[in-house]
Amino acid sequence: MLKPLGDRVIVTVDKEEEKTVGGIVLANNAKEKPQTAEVVAVGEGSITEDGKTLPMHIKVGDKVLFDKYAGSNVKFDDTDYLILHEKDIMAIVEK
């Protein structure tokens, strides 16, 4: 498994919708990039100039909403992940 460093978070992005509400099948280039994901790993937190570690506000299992063009896509063990900084996460989606 991947272990993020610092204030990074690893997420699995939710799959985009294949159809519209009316049932129209969308072409790949017409689909919007999803902005919700599930957190699968969390770093230790960012380190301040005086050496203190700031704790993360996100935990494994959280459903989050992130900036549209944030993060880096990676593939590990045939699974696609997105690595984000905590600052790129806008909200935790509560159920």
PDB file of N, CA and C in Angstrom:
ATOM      1  N   MET A   1       0.847  -1.194   0.000  1.00  0.00           N
ATOM      2  CA  MET A   1       0.000   0.000   0.000  1.00  0.00           C
ATOM      3  C   MET A   1       0.881   1.242   0.000  1.00  0.00           C
ATOM      4  N   LEU A   2       0.373   2.315  -0.519  1.00  0.00           N
ATOM      5  CA  LEU A   2       1.075   3.597  -0.554  1.00  0.00           C
ATOM      6  C   LEU A   2       0.877   4.326   0.770  1.00  0.00           C
ATOM      7  N   LYS A   3       1.927   4.978   1.260  1.00  0.00           N
ATOM      8  CA  LYS A   3       1.838   5.798   2.470  1.00  0.00           C
ATOM      9  C   LYS A   3       2.216   7.227   2.093  1.00  0.00           C
ATOM     10  N   PRO A   4       1.266   8.159   2.156  1.00  0.00           N
ATOM     11  CA  PRO A   4       1.554   9.539   1.782  1.00  0.00           C
ATOM     12  C   PRO A   4       2.445  10.233   2.809  1.00  0.00           C
ATOM     13  N   LEU A   5       3.227  11.179   2.345  1.00  0.00           N
ATOM     14  CA  LEU A   5       4.117  11.946   3.205  1.00  0.00           C
ATOM     15  C   LEU A   5       3.533  13.326   3.481  1.00  0.00           C
ATOM     16  N   GLY A   6       3.891  13.884   4.624  1.00  0.00           N
ATOM     17  CA  GLY A   6       3.481  15.243   4.959  1.00  0.00           C
ATOM     18  C   GLY A   6       1.982  15.417   5.013  1.00  0.00           C
ATOM     19  N   ASP A   7       1.486  16.452   4.341  1.00  0.00           N
ATOM     20  CA  ASP A   7       0.056  16.765   4.363  1.00  0.00           C
ATOM     21  C   ASP A   7      -0.678  16.203   3.143  1.00  0.00           C
ATOM     22  N   ARG A   8      -0.143  15.129   2.586  1.00  0.00           N
ATOM     23  CA  ARG A   8      -0.783  14.533   1.408  1.00  0.00           C
ATOM     24  C   ARG A   8      -1.820  13.488   1.812  1.00  0.00           C
ATOM     25  N   VAL A   9      -2.799  13.314   0.924  1.00  0.00           N
ATOM     26  CA  VAL A   9      -3.892  12.378   1.127  1.00  0.00           C
ATOM     27  C   VAL A   9      -4.035  11.560  -0.153  1.00  0.00           C
ATOM     28  N   ILE A  10      -4.225  10.253  -0.030  1.00  0.00           N
ATOM     29  CA  ILE A  10      -4.452   9.402  -1.199  1.00  0.00           C
ATOM     30  C   ILE A  10      -5.923   9.020  -1.218  1.00  0.00           C
ATOM     31  N   VAL A  11      -6.561   9.206  -2.374  1.00  0.00           N
ATOM     32  CA  VAL A  11      -7.992   8.934  -2.512  1.00  0.00           C
ATOM     33  C   VAL A  11      -8.263   8.076  -3.745  1.00  0.00           C
ATOM     34  N   THR A  12      -9.398   7.404  -3.723  1.00  0.00           N
ATOM     35  CA  THR A  12      -9.913   6.751  -4.926  1.00  0.00           C
ATOM     36  C   THR A  12     -11.091   7.595  -5.385  1.00  0.00           C
ATOM     37  N   VAL A  13     -11.014   8.066  -6.603  1.00  0.00           N
ATOM     38  CA  VAL A  13     -12.014   8.980  -7.152  1.00  0.00           C
ATOM     39  C   VAL A  13     -13.258   8.205  -7.537  1.00  0.00           C
ATOM     40  N   ASP A  14     -14.431   8.769  -7.223  1.00  0.00           N
ATOM     41  CA  ASP A  14     -15.699   8.163  -7.616  1.00  0.00           C
ATOM     42  C   ASP A  14     -15.797   8.112  -9.133  1.00  0.00           C
ATOM     43  N   LYS A  15     -16.457   7.110  -9.645  1.00  0.00           N
ATOM     44  CA  LYS A  15     -16.624   6.945 -11.092  1.00  0.00           C
ATOM     45  C   LYS A  15     -17.605   7.974 -11.629  1.00  0.00           C
ATOM     46  N   GLU A  16     -17.327   8.467 -12.844  1.00  0.00           N
ATOM     47  CA  GLU A  16     -18.218   9.432 -13.467  1.00  0.00           C
ATOM     48  C   GLU A  16     -19.463   8.728 -14.005  1.00  0.00           C
ATOM     49  N   GLU A  17     -20.518   9.494 -14.111  1.00  0.00           N
ATOM     50  CA  GLU A  17     -21.783   8.964 -14.610  1.00  0.00           C
ATOM     51  C   GLU A  17     -21.684   8.663 -16.100  1.00  0.00           C
ATOM     52  N   GLU A  18     -22.216   7.522 -16.512  1.00  0.00           N
ATOM     53  CA  GLU A  18     -22.242   7.135 -17.920  1.00  0.00           C
ATOM     54  C   GLU A  18     -23.447   7.739 -18.651  1.00  0.00           C
ATOM     55  N   LYS A  19     -24.522   8.027 -17.909  1.00  0.00           N
ATOM     56  CA  LYS A  19     -25.749   8.537 -18.515  1.00  0.00           C
ATOM     57  C   LYS A  19     -26.211   9.796 -17.799  1.00  0.00           C
ATOM     58  N   THR A  20     -26.973  10.605 -18.525  1.00  0.00           N
ATOM     59  CA  THR A  20     -27.603  11.777 -17.915  1.00  0.00           C
ATOM     60  C   THR A  20     -28.878  11.315 -17.210  1.00  0.00           C
ATOM     61  N   VAL A  21     -29.523  12.240 -16.506  1.00  0.00           N
ATOM     62  CA  VAL A  21     -30.774  11.918 -15.828  1.00  0.00           C
ATOM     63  C   VAL A  21     -31.819  11.441 -16.830  1.00  0.00           C
ATOM     64  N   GLY A  22     -31.800  11.988 -18.033  1.00  0.00           N
ATOM     65  CA  GLY A  22     -32.754  11.597 -19.065  1.00  0.00           C
ATOM     66  C   GLY A  22     -32.419  10.293 -19.756  1.00  0.00           C
ATOM     67  N   GLY A  23     -31.290   9.672 -19.423  1.00  0.00           N
ATOM     68  CA  GLY A  23     -30.926   8.384 -19.985  1.00  0.00           C
ATOM     69  C   GLY A  23     -30.011   8.455 -21.192  1.00  0.00           C
ATOM     70  N   ILE A  24     -29.510   9.635 -21.535  1.00  0.00           N
ATOM     71  CA  ILE A  24     -28.622   9.781 -22.687  1.00  0.00           C
ATOM     72  C   ILE A  24     -27.225   9.326 -22.303  1.00  0.00           C
ATOM     73  N   VAL A  25     -26.628   8.446 -23.102  1.00  0.00           N
ATOM     74  CA  VAL A  25     -25.276   7.965 -22.851  1.00  0.00           C
ATOM     75  C   VAL A  25     -24.285   9.036 -23.295  1.00  0.00           C
ATOM     76  N   LEU A  26     -23.331   9.368 -22.421  1.00  0.00           N
ATOM     77  CA  LEU A  26     -22.372  10.424 -22.712  1.00  0.00           C
ATOM     78  C   LEU A  26     -21.092   9.868 -23.316  1.00  0.00           C
ATOM     79  N   ALA A  27     -20.534  10.613 -24.257  1.00  0.00           N
ATOM     80  CA  ALA A  27     -19.219  10.277 -24.799  1.00  0.00           C
ATOM     81  C   ALA A  27     -18.164  10.596 -23.750  1.00  0.00           C
ATOM     82  N   ASN A  28     -17.010   9.946 -23.822  1.00  0.00           N
ATOM     83  CA  ASN A  28     -15.958  10.158 -22.823  1.00  0.00           C
ATOM     84  C   ASN A  28     -15.533  11.619 -22.704  1.00  0.00           C
ATOM     85  N   ASN A  29     -15.454  12.333 -23.817  1.00  0.00           N
ATOM     86  CA  ASN A  29     -15.005  13.731 -23.751  1.00  0.00           C
ATOM     87  C   ASN A  29     -16.097  14.674 -23.247  1.00  0.00           C
ATOM     88  N   ALA A  30     -17.336  14.219 -23.130  1.00  0.00           N
ATOM     89  CA  ALA A  30     -18.430  15.064 -22.644  1.00  0.00           C
ATOM     90  C   ALA A  30     -18.660  14.900 -21.147  1.00  0.00           C
ATOM     91  N   LYS A  31     -18.009  13.914 -20.529  1.00  0.00           N
ATOM     92  CA  LYS A  31     -18.197  13.661 -19.101  1.00  0.00           C
ATOM     93  C   LYS A  31     -17.404  14.665 -18.277  1.00  0.00           C
ATOM     94  N   GLU A  32     -17.998  15.076 -17.161  1.00  0.00           N
ATOM     95  CA  GLU A  32     -17.286  15.951 -16.244  1.00  0.00           C
ATOM     96  C   GLU A  32     -16.416  15.117 -15.328  1.00  0.00           C
ATOM     97  N   LYS A  33     -15.258  15.645 -14.997  1.00  0.00           N
ATOM     98  CA  LYS A  33     -14.368  14.962 -14.070  1.00  0.00           C
ATOM     99  C   LYS A  33     -15.022  14.969 -12.687  1.00  0.00           C
ATOM    100  N   PRO A  34     -15.140  13.805 -12.045  1.00  0.00           N
ATOM    101  CA  PRO A  34     -15.747  13.777 -10.711  1.00  0.00           C
ATOM    102  C   PRO A  34     -14.890  14.538  -9.703  1.00  0.00           C
ATOM    103  N   GLN A  35     -15.534  15.085  -8.694  1.00  0.00           N
ATOM    104  CA  GLN A  35     -14.821  15.849  -7.680  1.00  0.00           C
ATOM    105  C   GLN A  35     -15.010  15.253  -6.293  1.00  0.00           C
ATOM    106  N   THR A  36     -15.546  14.044  -6.199  1.00  0.00           N
ATOM    107  CA  THR A  36     -15.691  13.389  -4.908  1.00  0.00           C
ATOM    108  C   THR A  36     -14.858  12.117  -4.903  1.00  0.00           C
ATOM    109  N   ALA A  37     -14.389  11.767  -3.714  1.00  0.00           N
ATOM    110  CA  ALA A  37     -13.519  10.606  -3.590  1.00  0.00           C
ATOM    111  C   ALA A  37     -13.568  10.072  -2.167  1.00  0.00           C
ATOM    112  N   GLU A  38     -13.064   8.840  -2.002  1.00  0.00           N
ATOM    113  CA  GLU A  38     -12.942   8.246  -0.672  1.00  0.00           C
ATOM    114  C   GLU A  38     -11.469   8.221  -0.283  1.00  0.00           C
ATOM    115  N   VAL A  39     -11.177   8.636   0.929  1.00  0.00           N
ATOM    116  CA  VAL A  39      -9.803   8.686   1.437  1.00  0.00           C
ATOM    117  C   VAL A  39      -9.359   7.266   1.800  1.00  0.00           C
ATOM    118  N   VAL A  40      -8.191   6.850   1.251  1.00  0.00           N
ATOM    119  CA  VAL A  40      -7.660   5.521   1.551  1.00  0.00           C
ATOM    120  C   VAL A  40      -6.378   5.572   2.378  1.00  0.00           C
ATOM    121  N   ALA A  41      -5.698   6.718   2.415  1.00  0.00           N
ATOM    122  CA  ALA A  41      -4.488   6.877   3.229  1.00  0.00           C
ATOM    123  C   ALA A  41      -4.248   8.356   3.504  1.00  0.00           C
ATOM    124  N   VAL A  42      -3.694   8.638   4.680  1.00  0.00           N
ATOM    125  CA  VAL A  42      -3.463  10.012   5.115  1.00  0.00           C
ATOM    126  C   VAL A  42      -2.043  10.127   5.655  1.00  0.00           C
ATOM    127  N   GLY A  43      -1.360  11.225   5.309  1.00  0.00           N
ATOM    128  CA  GLY A  43      -0.015  11.483   5.825  1.00  0.00           C
ATOM    129  C   GLY A  43      -0.041  11.907   7.283  1.00  0.00           C
ATOM    130  N   GLU A  44       1.137  12.143   7.839  1.00  0.00           N
ATOM    131  CA  GLU A  44       1.277  12.523   9.246  1.00  0.00           C
ATOM    132  C   GLU A  44       0.816  13.951   9.511  1.00  0.00           C
ATOM    133  N   GLY A  45       0.890  14.817   8.513  1.00  0.00           N
ATOM    134  CA  GLY A  45       0.533  16.219   8.685  1.00  0.00           C
ATOM    135  C   GLY A  45       1.688  17.099   8.269  1.00  0.00           C
ATOM    136  N   SER A  46       1.404  18.381   8.084  1.00  0.00           N
ATOM    137  CA  SER A  46       2.468  19.303   7.672  1.00  0.00           C
ATOM    138  C   SER A  46       3.313  19.692   8.883  1.00  0.00           C
ATOM    139  N   ILE A  47       4.563  20.035   8.611  1.00  0.00           N
ATOM    140  CA  ILE A  47       5.499  20.402   9.669  1.00  0.00           C
ATOM    141  C   ILE A  47       5.736  21.915   9.601  1.00  0.00           C
ATOM    142  N   THR A  48       5.600  22.574  10.737  1.00  0.00           N
ATOM    143  CA  THR A  48       5.790  24.025  10.804  1.00  0.00           C
ATOM    144  C   THR A  48       7.277  24.348  10.809  1.00  0.00           C
ATOM    145  N   GLU A  49       7.596  25.632  10.705  1.00  0.00           N
ATOM    146  CA  GLU A  49       8.996  26.065  10.692  1.00  0.00           C
ATOM    147  C   GLU A  49       9.726  25.734  11.993  1.00  0.00           C
ATOM    148  N   ASP A  50       8.980  25.665  13.106  1.00  0.00           N
ATOM    149  CA  ASP A  50       9.622  25.335  14.384  1.00  0.00           C
ATOM    150  C   ASP A  50       9.618  23.833  14.673  1.00  0.00           C
ATOM    151  N   GLY A  51       9.262  23.010  13.679  1.00  0.00           N
ATOM    152  CA  GLY A  51       9.367  21.559  13.792  1.00  0.00           C
ATOM    153  C   GLY A  51       8.156  20.839  14.358  1.00  0.00           C
ATOM    154  N   LYS A  52       7.075  21.545  14.627  1.00  0.00           N
ATOM    155  CA  LYS A  52       5.863  20.904  15.138  1.00  0.00           C
ATOM    156  C   LYS A  52       5.049  20.333  13.979  1.00  0.00           C
ATOM    157  N   THR A  53       4.405  19.206  14.220  1.00  0.00           N
ATOM    158  CA  THR A  53       3.544  18.587  13.214  1.00  0.00           C
ATOM    159  C   THR A  53       2.110  19.021  13.443  1.00  0.00           C
ATOM    160  N   LEU A  54       1.487  19.590  12.407  1.00  0.00           N
ATOM    161  CA  LEU A  54       0.079  19.969  12.481  1.00  0.00           C
ATOM    162  C   LEU A  54      -0.758  18.755  12.099  1.00  0.00           C
ATOM    163  N   PRO A  55      -1.692  18.341  12.945  1.00  0.00           N
ATOM    164  CA  PRO A  55      -2.476  17.134  12.654  1.00  0.00           C
ATOM    165  C   PRO A  55      -3.391  17.331  11.443  1.00  0.00           C
ATOM    166  N   MET A  56      -3.696  16.223  10.781  1.00  0.00           N
ATOM    167  CA  MET A  56      -4.591  16.246   9.619  1.00  0.00           C
ATOM    168  C   MET A  56      -6.045  16.282  10.097  1.00  0.00           C
ATOM    169  N   HIS A  57      -6.898  16.941   9.330  1.00  0.00           N
ATOM    170  CA  HIS A  57      -8.321  17.004   9.641  1.00  0.00           C
ATOM    171  C   HIS A  57      -9.097  15.904   8.926  1.00  0.00           C
ATOM    172  N   ILE A  58      -8.445  15.211   8.022  1.00  0.00           N
ATOM    173  CA  ILE A  58      -9.050  14.161   7.213  1.00  0.00           C
ATOM    174  C   ILE A  58      -8.620  12.815   7.779  1.00  0.00           C
ATOM    175  N   LYS A  59      -9.513  11.810   7.703  1.00  0.00           N
ATOM    176  CA  LYS A  59      -9.128  10.469   8.139  1.00  0.00           C
ATOM    177  C   LYS A  59      -9.528   9.447   7.078  1.00  0.00           C
ATOM    178  N   VAL A  60      -8.943   8.272   7.162  1.00  0.00           N
ATOM    179  CA  VAL A  60      -9.238   7.200   6.218  1.00  0.00           C
ATOM    180  C   VAL A  60     -10.732   6.868   6.291  1.00  0.00           C
ATOM    181  N   GLY A  61     -11.345   6.710   5.131  1.00  0.00           N
ATOM    182  CA  GLY A  61     -12.771   6.398   5.053  1.00  0.00           C
ATOM    183  C   GLY A  61     -13.653   7.604   4.809  1.00  0.00           C
ATOM    184  N   ASP A  62     -13.124   8.819   4.998  1.00  0.00           N
ATOM    185  CA  ASP A  62     -13.905  10.024   4.739  1.00  0.00           C
ATOM    186  C   ASP A  62     -14.225  10.135   3.255  1.00  0.00           C
ATOM    187  N   LYS A  63     -15.401  10.641   2.954  1.00  0.00           N
ATOM    188  CA  LYS A  63     -15.794  10.987   1.588  1.00  0.00           C
ATOM    189  C   LYS A  63     -15.540  12.483   1.468  1.00  0.00           C
ATOM    190  N   VAL A  64     -14.744  12.895   0.471  1.00  0.00           N
ATOM    191  CA  VAL A  64     -14.334  14.293   0.371  1.00  0.00           C
ATOM    192  C   VAL A  64     -14.666  14.891  -0.988  1.00  0.00           C
ATOM    193  N   LEU A  65     -14.744  16.210  -1.001  1.00  0.00           N
ATOM    194  CA  LEU A  65     -14.941  17.003  -2.212  1.00  0.00           C
ATOM    195  C   LEU A  65     -13.654  17.785  -2.421  1.00  0.00           C
ATOM    196  N   PHE A  66     -13.057  17.691  -3.621  1.00  0.00           N
ATOM    197  CA  PHE A  66     -11.761  18.329  -3.856  1.00  0.00           C
ATOM    198  C   PHE A  66     -11.810  19.243  -5.067  1.00  0.00           C
ATOM    199  N   ASP A  67     -10.798  20.125  -5.180  1.00  0.00           N
ATOM    200  CA  ASP A  67     -10.685  21.038  -6.321  1.00  0.00           C
ATOM    201  C   ASP A  67     -10.648  20.248  -7.623  1.00  0.00           C
ATOM    202  N   LYS A  68     -11.253  20.786  -8.649  1.00  0.00           N
ATOM    203  CA  LYS A  68     -11.432  20.083  -9.920  1.00  0.00           C
ATOM    204  C   LYS A  68     -10.133  19.621 -10.572  1.00  0.00           C
ATOM    205  N   TYR A  69      -9.106  20.439 -10.571  1.00  0.00           N
ATOM    206  CA  TYR A  69      -7.870  20.085 -11.266  1.00  0.00           C
ATOM    207  C   TYR A  69      -6.723  19.812 -10.307  1.00  0.00           C
ATOM    208  N   ALA A  70      -7.034  19.438  -9.086  1.00  0.00           N
ATOM    209  CA  ALA A  70      -6.010  19.218  -8.061  1.00  0.00           C
ATOM    210  C   ALA A  70      -5.447  17.805  -8.133  1.00  0.00           C
ATOM    211  N   GLY A  71      -4.245  17.658  -7.607  1.00  0.00           N
ATOM    212  CA  GLY A  71      -3.669  16.340  -7.387  1.00  0.00           C
ATOM    213  C   GLY A  71      -2.926  15.743  -8.558  1.00  0.00           C
ATOM    214  N   SER A  72      -2.346  14.588  -8.271  1.00  0.00           N
ATOM    215  CA  SER A  72      -1.597  13.817  -9.268  1.00  0.00           C
ATOM    216  C   SER A  72      -2.176  12.420  -9.352  1.00  0.00           C
ATOM    217  N   ASN A  73      -2.468  11.977 -10.568  1.00  0.00           N
ATOM    218  CA  ASN A  73      -2.979  10.628 -10.767  1.00  0.00           C
ATOM    219  C   ASN A  73      -1.826   9.631 -10.758  1.00  0.00           C
ATOM    220  N   VAL A  74      -2.005   8.529 -10.037  1.00  0.00           N
ATOM    221  CA  VAL A  74      -1.007   7.460 -10.007  1.00  0.00           C
ATOM    222  C   VAL A  74      -1.721   6.121 -10.124  1.00  0.00           C
ATOM    223  N   LYS A  75      -0.998   5.148 -10.646  1.00  0.00           N
ATOM    224  CA  LYS A  75      -1.525   3.790 -10.724  1.00  0.00           C
ATOM    225  C   LYS A  75      -0.582   2.909  -9.918  1.00  0.00           C
ATOM    226  N   PHE A  76      -1.130   2.125  -8.984  1.00  0.00           N
ATOM    227  CA  PHE A  76      -0.337   1.246  -8.131  1.00  0.00           C
ATOM    228  C   PHE A  76      -1.104  -0.053  -7.943  1.00  0.00           C
ATOM    229  N   ASP A  77      -0.458  -1.171  -8.228  1.00  0.00           N
ATOM    230  CA  ASP A  77      -1.110  -2.491  -8.135  1.00  0.00           C
ATOM    231  C   ASP A  77      -2.435  -2.528  -8.902  1.00  0.00           C
ATOM    232  N   ASP A  78      -2.424  -2.015 -10.127  1.00  0.00           N
ATOM    233  CA  ASP A  78      -3.595  -2.004 -11.015  1.00  0.00           C
ATOM    234  C   ASP A  78      -4.789  -1.207 -10.476  1.00  0.00           C
ATOM    235  N   THR A  79      -4.546  -0.306  -9.555  1.00  0.00           N
ATOM    236  CA  THR A  79      -5.604   0.553  -9.024  1.00  0.00           C
ATOM    237  C   THR A  79      -5.202   2.001  -9.259  1.00  0.00           C
ATOM    238  N   ASP A  80      -6.171   2.823  -9.688  1.00  0.00           N
ATOM    239  CA  ASP A  80      -5.928   4.248  -9.917  1.00  0.00           C
ATOM    240  C   ASP A  80      -6.196   5.036  -8.639  1.00  0.00           C
ATOM    241  N   TYR A  81      -5.257   5.904  -8.289  1.00  0.00           N
ATOM    242  CA  TYR A  81      -5.380   6.762  -7.112  1.00  0.00           C
ATOM    243  C   TYR A  81      -5.130   8.202  -7.515  1.00  0.00           C
ATOM    244  N   LEU A  82      -5.550   9.107  -6.659  1.00  0.00           N
ATOM    245  CA  LEU A  82      -5.253  10.528  -6.798  1.00  0.00           C
ATOM    246  C   LEU A  82      -4.579  10.966  -5.501  1.00  0.00           C
ATOM    247  N   ILE A  83      -3.420  11.611  -5.618  1.00  0.00           N
ATOM    248  CA  ILE A  83      -2.716  12.115  -4.447  1.00  0.00           C
ATOM    249  C   ILE A  83      -2.912  13.623  -4.376  1.00  0.00           C
ATOM    250  N   LEU A  84      -3.478  14.084  -3.263  1.00  0.00           N
ATOM    251  CA  LEU A  84      -3.817  15.491  -3.052  1.00  0.00           C
ATOM    252  C   LEU A  84      -3.103  16.038  -1.833  1.00  0.00           C
ATOM    253  N   HIS A  85      -2.917  17.350  -1.794  1.00  0.00           N
ATOM    254  CA  HIS A  85      -2.529  18.016  -0.560  1.00  0.00           C
ATOM    255  C   HIS A  85      -3.817  18.281   0.219  1.00  0.00           C
ATOM    256  N   GLU A  86      -3.724  18.320   1.527  1.00  0.00           N
ATOM    257  CA  GLU A  86      -4.913  18.569   2.346  1.00  0.00           C
ATOM    258  C   GLU A  86      -5.589  19.888   1.955  1.00  0.00           C
ATOM    259  N   LYS A  87      -4.810  20.891   1.558  1.00  0.00           N
ATOM    260  CA  LYS A  87      -5.381  22.202   1.193  1.00  0.00           C
ATOM    261  C   LYS A  87      -6.257  22.121  -0.057  1.00  0.00           C
ATOM    262  N   ASP A  88      -6.101  21.066  -0.884  1.00  0.00           N
ATOM    263  CA  ASP A  88      -6.910  20.901  -2.090  1.00  0.00           C
ATOM    264  C   ASP A  88      -8.276  20.283  -1.802  1.00  0.00           C
ATOM    265  N   ILE A  89      -8.476  19.809  -0.579  1.00  0.00           N
ATOM    266  CA  ILE A  89      -9.758  19.226  -0.194  1.00  0.00           C
ATOM    267  C   ILE A  89     -10.624  20.349   0.366  1.00  0.00           C
ATOM    268  N   MET A  90     -11.812  20.522  -0.240  1.00  0.00           N
ATOM    269  CA  MET A  90     -12.679  21.634   0.125  1.00  0.00           C
ATOM    270  C   MET A  90     -13.667  21.280   1.237  1.00  0.00           C
ATOM    271  N   ALA A  91     -14.058  19.989   1.317  1.00  0.00           N
ATOM    272  CA  ALA A  91     -15.080  19.625   2.308  1.00  0.00           C
ATOM    273  C   ALA A  91     -15.087  18.116   2.509  1.00  0.00           C
ATOM    274  N   ILE A  92     -15.593  17.724   3.667  1.00  0.00           N
ATOM    275  CA  ILE A  92     -15.903  16.325   3.949  1.00  0.00           C
ATOM    276  C   ILE A  92     -17.384  16.167   3.715  1.00  0.00           C
ATOM    277  N   VAL A  93     -17.772  15.178   2.921  1.00  0.00           N
ATOM    278  CA  VAL A  93     -19.181  14.935   2.623  1.00  0.00           C
ATOM    279  C   VAL A  93     -19.751  14.070   3.734  1.00  0.00           C
ATOM    280  N   GLU A  94     -20.702  14.615   4.465  1.00  0.00           N
ATOM    281  CA  GLU A  94     -21.314  13.863   5.553  1.00  0.00           C
ATOM    282  C   GLU A  94     -22.524  13.114   5.023  1.00  0.00           C
ATOM    283  N   LYS A  95     -22.688  11.917   5.513  1.00  0.00           N
ATOM    284  CA  LYS A  95     -23.771  11.051   5.027  1.00  0.00           C
ATOM    285  C   LYS A  95     -25.072  11.328   5.705  1.00  0.00           C
TER     286      LYS A  95
END
